[in-house]
Amino acid sequence: MNPSTNFEDLAAQLRACRICRDAPRYGTALPHEPRPILQGSATARLCIASQAPGTRAHASGIPFADRSGSRLRSWLGMDEAVFYDPAKVAIVPMGSCFPGQDAKGGDLGPRRECAEAWRRPLFSAMPDLDLVLLIGQYSQAWHLGDNFKDGLTETVRRWREILENPQKPRILPLPHPSWRNNGWLKTNSWFEAELLPVLRSEIRTMFRFDDKEL
């Protein structure tokens, strides 16, 4: 594989990728036909660095078209039109394909082959990114490396330190917006009280929204 540096070419190559089914490097092969899902362009300013598509996204081909997506867009203060505009917003999961489910019916973690093959080329092809939102522990561990310390909660708790780190693009860790995290959100009330107002301000500035649009 010789990935292009053009985002559209890369996206086409990734959508044709079958590594996890035909040449798995970690564990067993993907148990179903791959359907890689991503969104973006060379002009995207914001990147949603998520985990992996779930069953609904796998069926529809549309990321975050569920309650998690509604909550995430609420966190951002963003409507669907902007969220699904690839010229503005990239959605690049750690694993581009639905990874399957475990014995209890829960989604498995993202396939490691995907990030190893595609992540660095994809981000190199988005030079205008200003902010990357790290959704969940898999994304945080990959993007933050040694700075992912003491698990997701403590990493998100250090959000100011991480956001203010002088790098481009800037990085902000978030929990997953799944309803399964309702308990986490209730226990960690500082997230909605302190982090979300700053996130929405960043989004307003980035896309020049006024208060009436939010």
N, C-alpha and C. Protein backbone atom coordinates (compact mmCIF):
# COMPACT_ATOMS: atom_id res chain seq x y z
N MET A 1 0.84 -1.19 0.00
CA MET A 1 0.00 0.00 0.00
C MET A 1 0.88 1.24 0.00
N ASN A 2 0.54 2.18 -0.88
CA ASN A 2 1.28 3.44 -0.97
C ASN A 2 0.26 4.57 -0.90
N PRO A 3 -0.13 4.96 0.31
CA PRO A 3 -1.21 5.93 0.45
C PRO A 3 -0.90 7.26 -0.21
N SER A 4 -1.92 7.84 -0.83
CA SER A 4 -1.81 9.17 -1.40
C SER A 4 -1.77 10.21 -0.29
N THR A 5 -1.31 11.42 -0.61
CA THR A 5 -1.35 12.51 0.36
C THR A 5 -2.60 13.36 0.16
N ASN A 6 -3.43 13.02 -0.82
CA ASN A 6 -4.68 13.71 -1.08
C ASN A 6 -5.80 13.05 -0.28
N PHE A 7 -6.56 13.86 0.47
CA PHE A 7 -7.56 13.26 1.36
C PHE A 7 -8.58 12.44 0.59
N GLU A 8 -9.08 12.96 -0.53
CA GLU A 8 -10.10 12.23 -1.27
C GLU A 8 -9.57 10.89 -1.78
N ASP A 9 -8.33 10.88 -2.26
CA ASP A 9 -7.74 9.62 -2.72
C ASP A 9 -7.57 8.65 -1.55
N LEU A 10 -7.10 9.19 -0.42
CA LEU A 10 -6.93 8.36 0.77
C LEU A 10 -8.26 7.77 1.22
N ALA A 11 -9.29 8.59 1.23
CA ALA A 11 -10.60 8.11 1.66
C ALA A 11 -11.10 6.99 0.75
N ALA A 12 -10.87 7.13 -0.55
CA ALA A 12 -11.27 6.08 -1.49
C ALA A 12 -10.49 4.80 -1.24
N GLN A 13 -9.20 4.93 -0.96
CA GLN A 13 -8.38 3.75 -0.66
C GLN A 13 -8.84 3.09 0.64
N LEU A 14 -9.14 3.90 1.64
CA LEU A 14 -9.56 3.33 2.92
C LEU A 14 -10.90 2.61 2.77
N ARG A 15 -11.82 3.20 2.00
CA ARG A 15 -13.14 2.56 1.84
C ARG A 15 -13.04 1.22 1.10
N ALA A 16 -11.94 1.02 0.39
CA ALA A 16 -11.72 -0.26 -0.28
C ALA A 16 -10.87 -1.21 0.55
N CYS A 17 -10.45 -0.77 1.75
CA CYS A 17 -9.54 -1.55 2.58
C CYS A 17 -10.22 -2.80 3.13
N ARG A 18 -9.49 -3.92 3.12
CA ARG A 18 -10.00 -5.19 3.64
C ARG A 18 -8.95 -5.87 4.53
N ILE A 19 -8.04 -5.09 5.10
CA ILE A 19 -6.96 -5.66 5.91
C ILE A 19 -7.50 -6.51 7.05
N CYS A 20 -8.48 -5.97 7.79
CA CYS A 20 -8.95 -6.67 8.99
C CYS A 20 -9.72 -7.94 8.66
N ARG A 21 -10.18 -8.08 7.43
CA ARG A 21 -10.86 -9.31 7.04
C ARG A 21 -9.92 -10.29 6.34
N ASP A 22 -9.11 -9.76 5.39
CA ASP A 22 -8.31 -10.63 4.54
C ASP A 22 -6.90 -10.86 5.05
N ALA A 23 -6.37 -9.93 5.84
CA ALA A 23 -4.99 -10.08 6.34
C ALA A 23 -4.89 -9.54 7.76
N PRO A 24 -5.68 -10.08 8.70
CA PRO A 24 -5.67 -9.56 10.07
C PRO A 24 -4.33 -9.75 10.74
N ARG A 25 -3.89 -8.73 11.46
CA ARG A 25 -2.62 -8.79 12.18
C ARG A 25 -2.81 -9.09 13.65
N TYR A 26 -4.03 -8.90 14.13
CA TYR A 26 -4.29 -9.06 15.56
C TYR A 26 -5.57 -9.89 15.74
N GLY A 27 -5.42 -11.09 16.20
CA GLY A 27 -6.57 -11.94 16.47
C GLY A 27 -7.23 -12.46 15.22
N THR A 28 -8.51 -12.79 15.34
CA THR A 28 -9.25 -13.38 14.23
C THR A 28 -9.68 -12.31 13.23
N ALA A 29 -10.09 -12.76 12.07
CA ALA A 29 -10.52 -11.83 11.02
C ALA A 29 -11.85 -11.19 11.38
N LEU A 30 -12.11 -10.02 10.84
CA LEU A 30 -13.39 -9.35 11.02
C LEU A 30 -14.50 -10.31 10.58
N PRO A 31 -15.54 -10.49 11.40
CA PRO A 31 -16.53 -11.53 11.12
C PRO A 31 -17.59 -11.16 10.10
N HIS A 32 -17.45 -10.01 9.44
CA HIS A 32 -18.44 -9.60 8.45
C HIS A 32 -17.75 -8.77 7.37
N GLU A 33 -18.47 -8.45 6.33
CA GLU A 33 -17.91 -7.63 5.25
C GLU A 33 -17.57 -6.24 5.78
N PRO A 34 -16.34 -5.78 5.57
CA PRO A 34 -15.97 -4.44 6.04
C PRO A 34 -16.80 -3.35 5.35
N ARG A 35 -17.09 -2.31 6.10
CA ARG A 35 -17.71 -1.11 5.54
C ARG A 35 -17.07 0.10 6.19
N PRO A 36 -15.87 0.47 5.74
CA PRO A 36 -15.17 1.60 6.36
C PRO A 36 -15.98 2.89 6.25
N ILE A 37 -16.04 3.61 7.35
CA ILE A 37 -16.82 4.84 7.43
C ILE A 37 -15.92 5.97 7.92
N LEU A 38 -15.89 7.06 7.19
CA LEU A 38 -15.18 8.26 7.62
C LEU A 38 -15.74 9.45 6.87
N GLN A 39 -15.39 10.63 7.33
CA GLN A 39 -15.81 11.88 6.71
C GLN A 39 -14.67 12.87 6.84
N GLY A 40 -14.51 13.73 5.84
CA GLY A 40 -13.50 14.77 5.96
C GLY A 40 -13.08 15.33 4.63
N SER A 41 -12.14 16.25 4.69
CA SER A 41 -11.57 16.88 3.50
C SER A 41 -10.31 17.62 3.92
N ALA A 42 -9.60 18.12 2.94
CA ALA A 42 -8.38 18.87 3.22
C ALA A 42 -8.66 20.21 3.89
N THR A 43 -9.92 20.68 3.84
CA THR A 43 -10.26 21.98 4.43
C THR A 43 -10.89 21.87 5.81
N ALA A 44 -11.10 20.66 6.32
CA ALA A 44 -11.77 20.50 7.61
C ALA A 44 -11.01 21.22 8.71
N ARG A 45 -11.75 21.90 9.60
CA ARG A 45 -11.15 22.62 10.72
C ARG A 45 -11.23 21.82 12.01
N LEU A 46 -12.31 21.03 12.13
CA LEU A 46 -12.57 20.25 13.34
C LEU A 46 -12.54 18.77 13.00
N CYS A 47 -11.93 17.96 13.88
CA CYS A 47 -11.94 16.51 13.68
C CYS A 47 -12.54 15.83 14.90
N ILE A 48 -13.53 14.98 14.64
CA ILE A 48 -14.09 14.11 15.67
C ILE A 48 -13.31 12.80 15.59
N ALA A 49 -12.38 12.60 16.51
CA ALA A 49 -11.56 11.38 16.53
C ALA A 49 -12.25 10.37 17.44
N SER A 50 -13.11 9.58 16.85
CA SER A 50 -13.99 8.70 17.61
C SER A 50 -13.42 7.29 17.70
N GLN A 51 -14.25 6.33 18.12
CA GLN A 51 -13.76 4.98 18.38
C GLN A 51 -13.94 4.07 17.18
N ALA A 52 -15.17 3.67 16.88
CA ALA A 52 -15.46 2.81 15.74
C ALA A 52 -16.96 2.87 15.50
N PRO A 53 -17.41 2.65 14.28
CA PRO A 53 -18.85 2.64 14.01
C PRO A 53 -19.56 1.55 14.80
N GLY A 54 -20.79 1.84 15.21
CA GLY A 54 -21.63 0.84 15.84
C GLY A 54 -22.51 0.16 14.81
N THR A 55 -23.49 -0.59 15.28
CA THR A 55 -24.34 -1.35 14.37
C THR A 55 -25.16 -0.44 13.46
N ARG A 56 -25.67 0.67 13.99
CA ARG A 56 -26.48 1.57 13.17
C ARG A 56 -25.64 2.25 12.09
N ALA A 57 -24.46 2.70 12.46
CA ALA A 57 -23.58 3.32 11.47
C ALA A 57 -23.16 2.31 10.41
N HIS A 58 -22.90 1.07 10.83
CA HIS A 58 -22.52 0.03 9.88
C HIS A 58 -23.66 -0.22 8.89
N ALA A 59 -24.90 -0.19 9.37
CA ALA A 59 -26.04 -0.44 8.49
C ALA A 59 -26.32 0.72 7.55
N SER A 60 -26.15 1.95 8.06
CA SER A 60 -26.52 3.13 7.28
C SER A 60 -25.37 3.78 6.53
N GLY A 61 -24.15 3.57 7.03
CA GLY A 61 -23.00 4.26 6.46
C GLY A 61 -22.84 5.68 6.97
N ILE A 62 -23.66 6.08 7.96
CA ILE A 62 -23.64 7.45 8.47
C ILE A 62 -23.17 7.42 9.93
N PRO A 63 -22.07 8.09 10.26
CA PRO A 63 -21.58 8.09 11.64
C PRO A 63 -22.44 8.95 12.55
N PHE A 64 -22.59 8.51 13.79
CA PHE A 64 -23.29 9.27 14.83
C PHE A 64 -24.73 9.62 14.45
N ALA A 65 -25.39 8.75 13.72
CA ALA A 65 -26.81 8.96 13.39
C ALA A 65 -27.67 8.26 14.42
N ASP A 66 -27.47 8.60 15.70
CA ASP A 66 -28.17 7.95 16.80
C ASP A 66 -28.20 8.91 17.99
N ARG A 67 -28.60 8.40 19.15
CA ARG A 67 -28.68 9.26 20.34
C ARG A 67 -27.32 9.80 20.76
N SER A 68 -26.27 9.00 20.53
CA SER A 68 -24.93 9.49 20.85
C SER A 68 -24.59 10.71 20.00
N GLY A 69 -24.96 10.65 18.73
CA GLY A 69 -24.71 11.78 17.85
C GLY A 69 -25.49 13.01 18.25
N SER A 70 -26.75 12.81 18.67
CA SER A 70 -27.56 13.95 19.12
C SER A 70 -26.92 14.61 20.34
N ARG A 71 -26.44 13.79 21.27
CA ARG A 71 -25.79 14.36 22.46
C ARG A 71 -24.49 15.06 22.07
N LEU A 72 -23.70 14.45 21.18
CA LEU A 72 -22.43 15.07 20.77
C LEU A 72 -22.69 16.41 20.11
N ARG A 73 -23.67 16.48 19.23
CA ARG A 73 -23.98 17.76 18.57
C ARG A 73 -24.47 18.79 19.58
N SER A 74 -25.18 18.32 20.61
CA SER A 74 -25.59 19.24 21.68
C SER A 74 -24.38 19.76 22.43
N TRP A 75 -23.42 18.88 22.71
CA TRP A 75 -22.19 19.33 23.36
C TRP A 75 -21.49 20.41 22.54
N LEU A 76 -21.50 20.23 21.22
CA LEU A 76 -20.80 21.16 20.33
C LEU A 76 -21.59 22.44 20.06
N GLY A 77 -22.91 22.40 20.28
CA GLY A 77 -23.75 23.50 19.87
C GLY A 77 -23.81 23.59 18.35
N MET A 78 -23.99 22.44 17.71
CA MET A 78 -23.86 22.36 16.25
C MET A 78 -25.03 21.57 15.67
N ASP A 79 -25.58 22.04 14.54
CA ASP A 79 -26.67 21.30 13.92
C ASP A 79 -26.12 20.25 12.95
N GLU A 80 -27.02 19.42 12.43
CA GLU A 80 -26.60 18.33 11.55
C GLU A 80 -25.98 18.85 10.26
N ALA A 81 -26.46 19.96 9.76
CA ALA A 81 -25.95 20.48 8.48
C ALA A 81 -24.45 20.77 8.57
N VAL A 82 -24.01 21.37 9.65
CA VAL A 82 -22.58 21.66 9.82
C VAL A 82 -21.83 20.38 10.20
N PHE A 83 -22.41 19.60 11.10
CA PHE A 83 -21.75 18.38 11.57
C PHE A 83 -21.40 17.44 10.43
N TYR A 84 -22.30 17.33 9.46
CA TYR A 84 -22.08 16.40 8.35
C TYR A 84 -21.52 17.09 7.10
N ASP A 85 -20.95 18.27 7.28
CA ASP A 85 -20.31 18.97 6.16
C ASP A 85 -18.83 18.62 6.16
N PRO A 86 -18.37 17.76 5.23
CA PRO A 86 -16.97 17.32 5.26
C PRO A 86 -15.97 18.43 5.00
N ALA A 87 -16.41 19.54 4.42
CA ALA A 87 -15.50 20.67 4.22
C ALA A 87 -15.15 21.34 5.54
N LYS A 88 -16.00 21.11 6.57
CA LYS A 88 -15.79 21.76 7.86
C LYS A 88 -15.39 20.77 8.95
N VAL A 89 -16.04 19.60 8.95
CA VAL A 89 -15.88 18.65 10.05
C VAL A 89 -15.43 17.29 9.52
N ALA A 90 -14.34 16.78 10.07
CA ALA A 90 -13.88 15.42 9.77
C ALA A 90 -14.33 14.49 10.89
N ILE A 91 -14.74 13.30 10.53
CA ILE A 91 -15.05 12.25 11.50
C ILE A 91 -14.18 11.06 11.15
N VAL A 92 -13.16 10.84 11.97
CA VAL A 92 -12.14 9.82 11.66
C VAL A 92 -12.01 8.88 12.86
N PRO A 93 -12.75 7.77 12.86
CA PRO A 93 -12.68 6.84 13.99
C PRO A 93 -11.36 6.10 14.05
N MET A 94 -11.02 5.59 15.22
CA MET A 94 -9.82 4.80 15.39
C MET A 94 -9.87 3.54 14.54
N GLY A 95 -11.04 2.94 14.45
CA GLY A 95 -11.29 1.82 13.56
C GLY A 95 -12.42 2.20 12.64
N SER A 96 -12.21 2.16 11.34
CA SER A 96 -13.21 2.67 10.42
C SER A 96 -14.37 1.72 10.19
N CYS A 97 -14.21 0.45 10.57
CA CYS A 97 -15.26 -0.54 10.38
C CYS A 97 -15.87 -0.95 11.72
N PHE A 98 -17.14 -1.32 11.69
CA PHE A 98 -17.78 -1.91 12.86
C PHE A 98 -16.99 -3.15 13.25
N PRO A 99 -16.50 -3.23 14.49
CA PRO A 99 -15.59 -4.31 14.87
C PRO A 99 -16.27 -5.61 15.28
N GLY A 100 -17.60 -5.62 15.34
CA GLY A 100 -18.29 -6.80 15.81
C GLY A 100 -18.60 -6.70 17.30
N GLN A 101 -19.21 -7.74 17.84
CA GLN A 101 -19.65 -7.72 19.23
C GLN A 101 -19.05 -8.87 20.02
N ASP A 102 -18.95 -8.66 21.33
CA ASP A 102 -18.45 -9.71 22.21
C ASP A 102 -19.58 -10.67 22.60
N ALA A 103 -19.29 -11.61 23.44
CA ALA A 103 -20.26 -12.64 23.82
C ALA A 103 -21.48 -12.06 24.54
N LYS A 104 -21.32 -10.89 25.14
CA LYS A 104 -22.42 -10.27 25.87
C LYS A 104 -23.21 -9.27 25.01
N GLY A 105 -22.84 -9.14 23.75
CA GLY A 105 -23.54 -8.24 22.86
C GLY A 105 -23.01 -6.83 22.84
N GLY A 106 -21.91 -6.57 23.53
CA GLY A 106 -21.29 -5.25 23.50
C GLY A 106 -20.35 -5.11 22.32
N ASP A 107 -20.17 -3.88 21.86
CA ASP A 107 -19.25 -3.66 20.74
C ASP A 107 -17.82 -3.92 21.15
N LEU A 108 -17.08 -4.60 20.30
CA LEU A 108 -15.65 -4.79 20.53
C LEU A 108 -14.90 -3.48 20.33
N GLY A 109 -13.65 -3.44 20.78
CA GLY A 109 -12.82 -2.26 20.57
C GLY A 109 -12.42 -2.12 19.11
N PRO A 110 -11.98 -0.95 18.69
CA PRO A 110 -11.55 -0.73 17.31
C PRO A 110 -10.43 -1.69 16.90
N ARG A 111 -10.45 -2.12 15.66
CA ARG A 111 -9.38 -2.96 15.14
C ARG A 111 -8.09 -2.15 15.08
N ARG A 112 -7.01 -2.72 15.60
CA ARG A 112 -5.73 -2.02 15.65
C ARG A 112 -5.13 -1.83 14.27
N GLU A 113 -5.45 -2.72 13.33
CA GLU A 113 -4.87 -2.62 11.99
C GLU A 113 -5.20 -1.28 11.33
N CYS A 114 -6.39 -0.77 11.61
CA CYS A 114 -6.87 0.42 10.92
C CYS A 114 -6.02 1.65 11.25
N ALA A 115 -5.82 1.90 12.54
CA ALA A 115 -5.03 3.06 12.94
C ALA A 115 -3.60 2.96 12.43
N GLU A 116 -3.03 1.75 12.50
CA GLU A 116 -1.65 1.58 12.06
C GLU A 116 -1.49 1.88 10.57
N ALA A 117 -2.48 1.51 9.78
CA ALA A 117 -2.37 1.69 8.33
C ALA A 117 -2.77 3.08 7.86
N TRP A 118 -3.75 3.71 8.51
CA TRP A 118 -4.38 4.88 7.91
C TRP A 118 -4.30 6.18 8.70
N ARG A 119 -4.08 6.11 10.01
CA ARG A 119 -4.28 7.32 10.81
C ARG A 119 -3.30 8.44 10.46
N ARG A 120 -2.03 8.14 10.42
CA ARG A 120 -1.05 9.19 10.13
C ARG A 120 -1.24 9.78 8.73
N PRO A 121 -1.44 8.97 7.68
CA PRO A 121 -1.69 9.56 6.37
C PRO A 121 -2.94 10.45 6.33
N LEU A 122 -4.01 10.02 6.98
CA LEU A 122 -5.23 10.81 6.97
C LEU A 122 -5.03 12.17 7.63
N PHE A 123 -4.37 12.19 8.77
CA PHE A 123 -4.17 13.47 9.46
C PHE A 123 -3.18 14.36 8.70
N SER A 124 -2.23 13.76 8.03
CA SER A 124 -1.30 14.55 7.21
C SER A 124 -2.02 15.21 6.04
N ALA A 125 -3.15 14.63 5.62
CA ALA A 125 -3.90 15.16 4.48
C ALA A 125 -4.96 16.17 4.91
N MET A 126 -4.96 16.56 6.19
CA MET A 126 -5.90 17.58 6.68
C MET A 126 -5.10 18.71 7.33
N PRO A 127 -4.42 19.53 6.54
CA PRO A 127 -3.51 20.55 7.09
C PRO A 127 -4.19 21.70 7.79
N ASP A 128 -5.50 21.89 7.58
CA ASP A 128 -6.19 23.04 8.17
C ASP A 128 -6.84 22.73 9.51
N LEU A 129 -6.65 21.52 10.03
CA LEU A 129 -7.27 21.19 11.31
C LEU A 129 -6.79 22.13 12.41
N ASP A 130 -7.77 22.61 13.18
CA ASP A 130 -7.44 23.47 14.32
C ASP A 130 -7.67 22.75 15.64
N LEU A 131 -8.66 21.85 15.67
CA LEU A 131 -9.02 21.19 16.92
C LEU A 131 -9.42 19.74 16.65
N VAL A 132 -8.87 18.83 17.46
CA VAL A 132 -9.22 17.41 17.39
C VAL A 132 -9.86 17.02 18.71
N LEU A 133 -11.07 16.50 18.64
CA LEU A 133 -11.78 16.03 19.83
C LEU A 133 -11.55 14.53 19.97
N LEU A 134 -10.93 14.14 21.07
CA LEU A 134 -10.60 12.74 21.30
C LEU A 134 -11.75 12.09 22.07
N ILE A 135 -12.56 11.31 21.36
CA ILE A 135 -13.76 10.71 21.93
C ILE A 135 -13.43 9.32 22.46
N GLY A 136 -13.31 9.18 23.77
CA GLY A 136 -13.09 7.88 24.37
C GLY A 136 -11.62 7.52 24.55
N GLN A 137 -11.39 6.43 25.28
CA GLN A 137 -10.04 6.08 25.70
C GLN A 137 -9.15 5.59 24.57
N TYR A 138 -9.70 4.92 23.56
CA TYR A 138 -8.85 4.42 22.48
C TYR A 138 -8.21 5.58 21.71
N SER A 139 -9.03 6.56 21.41
CA SER A 139 -8.53 7.74 20.70
C SER A 139 -7.54 8.52 21.57
N GLN A 140 -7.85 8.66 22.84
CA GLN A 140 -6.97 9.40 23.74
C GLN A 140 -5.62 8.70 23.89
N ALA A 141 -5.64 7.39 24.03
CA ALA A 141 -4.39 6.65 24.18
C ALA A 141 -3.51 6.79 22.94
N TRP A 142 -4.11 6.76 21.76
CA TRP A 142 -3.32 6.83 20.53
C TRP A 142 -2.76 8.24 20.31
N HIS A 143 -3.59 9.24 20.46
CA HIS A 143 -3.18 10.61 20.15
C HIS A 143 -2.32 11.24 21.24
N LEU A 144 -2.56 10.87 22.49
CA LEU A 144 -1.82 11.49 23.59
C LEU A 144 -0.59 10.70 24.00
N GLY A 145 -0.52 9.44 23.67
CA GLY A 145 0.65 8.64 24.03
C GLY A 145 0.86 8.63 25.54
N ASP A 146 2.06 8.99 25.96
CA ASP A 146 2.40 8.97 27.39
C ASP A 146 1.59 9.98 28.20
N ASN A 147 0.95 10.92 27.53
CA ASN A 147 0.14 11.91 28.23
C ASN A 147 -1.27 11.39 28.53
N PHE A 148 -1.57 10.18 28.09
CA PHE A 148 -2.81 9.53 28.50
C PHE A 148 -2.50 8.78 29.78
N LYS A 149 -2.83 9.41 30.90
CA LYS A 149 -2.42 8.89 32.20
C LYS A 149 -3.62 8.69 33.11
N ASP A 150 -3.62 7.54 33.81
CA ASP A 150 -4.61 7.26 34.85
C ASP A 150 -6.04 7.13 34.31
N GLY A 151 -6.15 6.71 33.04
CA GLY A 151 -7.47 6.43 32.49
C GLY A 151 -8.20 7.63 31.94
N LEU A 152 -9.40 7.37 31.43
CA LEU A 152 -10.17 8.40 30.74
C LEU A 152 -10.57 9.55 31.66
N THR A 153 -11.09 9.23 32.83
CA THR A 153 -11.61 10.30 33.70
C THR A 153 -10.52 11.31 34.06
N GLU A 154 -9.37 10.82 34.47
CA GLU A 154 -8.30 11.75 34.86
C GLU A 154 -7.73 12.47 33.66
N THR A 155 -7.75 11.84 32.49
CA THR A 155 -7.28 12.51 31.28
C THR A 155 -8.23 13.65 30.90
N VAL A 156 -9.54 13.37 30.91
CA VAL A 156 -10.51 14.43 30.60
C VAL A 156 -10.45 15.53 31.66
N ARG A 157 -10.18 15.15 32.91
CA ARG A 157 -10.09 16.15 33.99
C ARG A 157 -8.95 17.14 33.73
N ARG A 158 -7.93 16.71 33.01
CA ARG A 158 -6.79 17.58 32.68
C ARG A 158 -7.01 18.31 31.35
N TRP A 159 -8.24 18.52 30.97
CA TRP A 159 -8.56 19.04 29.65
C TRP A 159 -7.96 20.42 29.39
N ARG A 160 -7.90 21.28 30.41
CA ARG A 160 -7.34 22.62 30.17
C ARG A 160 -5.86 22.53 29.82
N GLU A 161 -5.14 21.74 30.58
CA GLU A 161 -3.71 21.54 30.32
C GLU A 161 -3.48 21.00 28.91
N ILE A 162 -4.29 20.04 28.50
CA ILE A 162 -4.12 19.42 27.18
C ILE A 162 -4.50 20.39 26.07
N LEU A 163 -5.62 21.11 26.24
CA LEU A 163 -6.06 22.05 25.22
C LEU A 163 -5.08 23.21 25.04
N GLU A 164 -4.47 23.64 26.15
CA GLU A 164 -3.57 24.80 26.09
C GLU A 164 -2.15 24.43 25.65
N ASN A 165 -1.90 23.15 25.44
CA ASN A 165 -0.59 22.73 24.95
C ASN A 165 -0.34 23.35 23.57
N PRO A 166 0.78 24.06 23.37
CA PRO A 166 1.01 24.75 22.10
C PRO A 166 1.36 23.77 20.97
N GLN A 167 0.36 23.24 20.33
CA GLN A 167 0.56 22.33 19.21
C GLN A 167 -0.53 22.58 18.18
N LYS A 168 -0.33 22.13 16.99
CA LYS A 168 -1.33 22.24 15.94
C LYS A 168 -1.47 20.89 15.26
N PRO A 169 -2.71 20.39 15.19
CA PRO A 169 -3.92 20.95 15.78
C PRO A 169 -3.96 20.79 17.29
N ARG A 170 -4.77 21.62 17.94
CA ARG A 170 -4.97 21.48 19.37
C ARG A 170 -5.84 20.25 19.65
N ILE A 171 -5.80 19.78 20.88
CA ILE A 171 -6.46 18.53 21.25
C ILE A 171 -7.32 18.75 22.49
N LEU A 172 -8.50 18.13 22.48
CA LEU A 172 -9.39 18.19 23.64
C LEU A 172 -9.98 16.80 23.87
N PRO A 173 -9.72 16.18 25.04
CA PRO A 173 -10.28 14.86 25.32
C PRO A 173 -11.72 14.95 25.85
N LEU A 174 -12.56 14.03 25.40
CA LEU A 174 -13.95 13.97 25.82
C LEU A 174 -14.34 12.53 26.13
N PRO A 175 -15.33 12.33 26.99
CA PRO A 175 -15.90 10.99 27.13
C PRO A 175 -16.74 10.67 25.91
N HIS A 176 -17.13 9.42 25.76
CA HIS A 176 -18.04 9.08 24.66
C HIS A 176 -19.43 9.59 25.02
N PRO A 177 -20.17 10.13 24.05
CA PRO A 177 -21.51 10.67 24.34
C PRO A 177 -22.60 9.61 24.46
N SER A 178 -22.24 8.35 24.53
CA SER A 178 -23.21 7.27 24.64
C SER A 178 -24.09 7.41 25.88
N TRP A 179 -25.34 6.96 25.79
CA TRP A 179 -26.23 6.94 26.95
C TRP A 179 -25.65 6.07 28.07
N ARG A 180 -24.78 5.14 27.71
CA ARG A 180 -24.15 4.28 28.72
C ARG A 180 -23.28 5.09 29.69
N ASN A 181 -22.93 6.33 29.29
CA ASN A 181 -22.11 7.18 30.15
C ASN A 181 -22.94 8.16 30.97
N ASN A 182 -24.25 7.95 31.06
CA ASN A 182 -25.08 8.85 31.87
C ASN A 182 -24.60 8.92 33.31
N GLY A 183 -24.21 7.76 33.86
CA GLY A 183 -23.71 7.74 35.23
C GLY A 183 -22.43 8.53 35.37
N TRP A 184 -21.54 8.41 34.39
CA TRP A 184 -20.28 9.16 34.42
C TRP A 184 -20.56 10.66 34.40
N LEU A 185 -21.48 11.08 33.54
CA LEU A 185 -21.79 12.50 33.42
C LEU A 185 -22.40 13.03 34.72
N LYS A 186 -23.21 12.21 35.38
CA LYS A 186 -23.81 12.65 36.65
C LYS A 186 -22.75 12.76 37.74
N THR A 187 -21.83 11.80 37.77
CA THR A 187 -20.79 11.81 38.79
C THR A 187 -19.78 12.93 38.55
N ASN A 188 -19.50 13.22 37.29
CA ASN A 188 -18.49 14.22 36.93
C ASN A 188 -19.18 15.48 36.39
N SER A 189 -19.92 16.14 37.25
CA SER A 189 -20.72 17.29 36.83
C SER A 189 -19.85 18.45 36.33
N TRP A 190 -18.58 18.47 36.70
CA TRP A 190 -17.66 19.52 36.22
C TRP A 190 -17.54 19.50 34.69
N PHE A 191 -17.77 18.34 34.08
CA PHE A 191 -17.64 18.25 32.63
C PHE A 191 -18.62 19.19 31.93
N GLU A 192 -19.88 19.12 32.30
CA GLU A 192 -20.88 19.98 31.67
C GLU A 192 -20.77 21.42 32.15
N ALA A 193 -20.36 21.60 33.40
CA ALA A 193 -20.31 22.95 33.97
C ALA A 193 -19.10 23.74 33.50
N GLU A 194 -17.96 23.06 33.30
CA GLU A 194 -16.71 23.77 33.02
C GLU A 194 -16.18 23.54 31.61
N LEU A 195 -16.18 22.29 31.16
CA LEU A 195 -15.59 22.00 29.86
C LEU A 195 -16.51 22.40 28.71
N LEU A 196 -17.78 22.01 28.77
CA LEU A 196 -18.66 22.25 27.62
C LEU A 196 -18.81 23.72 27.24
N PRO A 197 -18.91 24.67 28.17
CA PRO A 197 -18.97 26.07 27.74
C PRO A 197 -17.74 26.50 26.94
N VAL A 198 -16.57 26.00 27.33
CA VAL A 198 -15.34 26.33 26.58
C VAL A 198 -15.37 25.68 25.20
N LEU A 199 -15.82 24.42 25.14
CA LEU A 199 -15.91 23.74 23.84
C LEU A 199 -16.86 24.49 22.91
N ARG A 200 -18.02 24.88 23.40
CA ARG A 200 -18.97 25.59 22.54
C ARG A 200 -18.43 26.94 22.09
N SER A 201 -17.68 27.60 22.97
CA SER A 201 -17.06 28.87 22.58
C SER A 201 -16.03 28.65 21.48
N GLU A 202 -15.26 27.59 21.60
CA GLU A 202 -14.29 27.25 20.55
C GLU A 202 -14.99 27.02 19.22
N ILE A 203 -16.10 26.29 19.24
CA ILE A 203 -16.84 25.99 18.02
C ILE A 203 -17.43 27.27 17.42
N ARG A 204 -18.00 28.13 18.27
CA ARG A 204 -18.55 29.39 17.77
C ARG A 204 -17.47 30.21 17.06
N THR A 205 -16.31 30.28 17.67
CA THR A 205 -15.21 31.06 17.08
C THR A 205 -14.72 30.43 15.79
N MET A 206 -14.58 29.12 15.79
CA MET A 206 -14.04 28.41 14.63
C MET A 206 -14.93 28.57 13.40
N PHE A 207 -16.24 28.46 13.61
CA PHE A 207 -17.16 28.50 12.48
C PHE A 207 -17.96 29.80 12.41
N ARG A 208 -17.61 30.74 13.26
CA ARG A 208 -18.22 32.08 13.26
C ARG A 208 -19.72 32.00 13.44
N PHE A 209 -20.16 31.09 14.32
CA PHE A 209 -21.57 31.03 14.69
C PHE A 209 -21.88 32.22 15.58
N ASP A 210 -23.11 32.73 15.48
CA ASP A 210 -23.55 33.68 16.50
C ASP A 210 -24.48 32.94 17.45
N ASP A 211 -24.86 33.56 18.53
CA ASP A 211 -25.65 32.90 19.56
C ASP A 211 -26.98 32.40 19.03
N LYS A 212 -27.54 33.06 18.02
CA LYS A 212 -28.83 32.64 17.49
C LYS A 212 -28.75 31.30 16.78
N GLU A 213 -27.56 30.92 16.31
CA GLU A 213 -27.41 29.68 15.58
C GLU A 213 -27.27 28.49 16.49
N LEU A 214 -26.99 28.71 17.77
CA LEU A 214 -26.71 27.60 18.69
C LEU A 214 -27.97 27.12 19.39
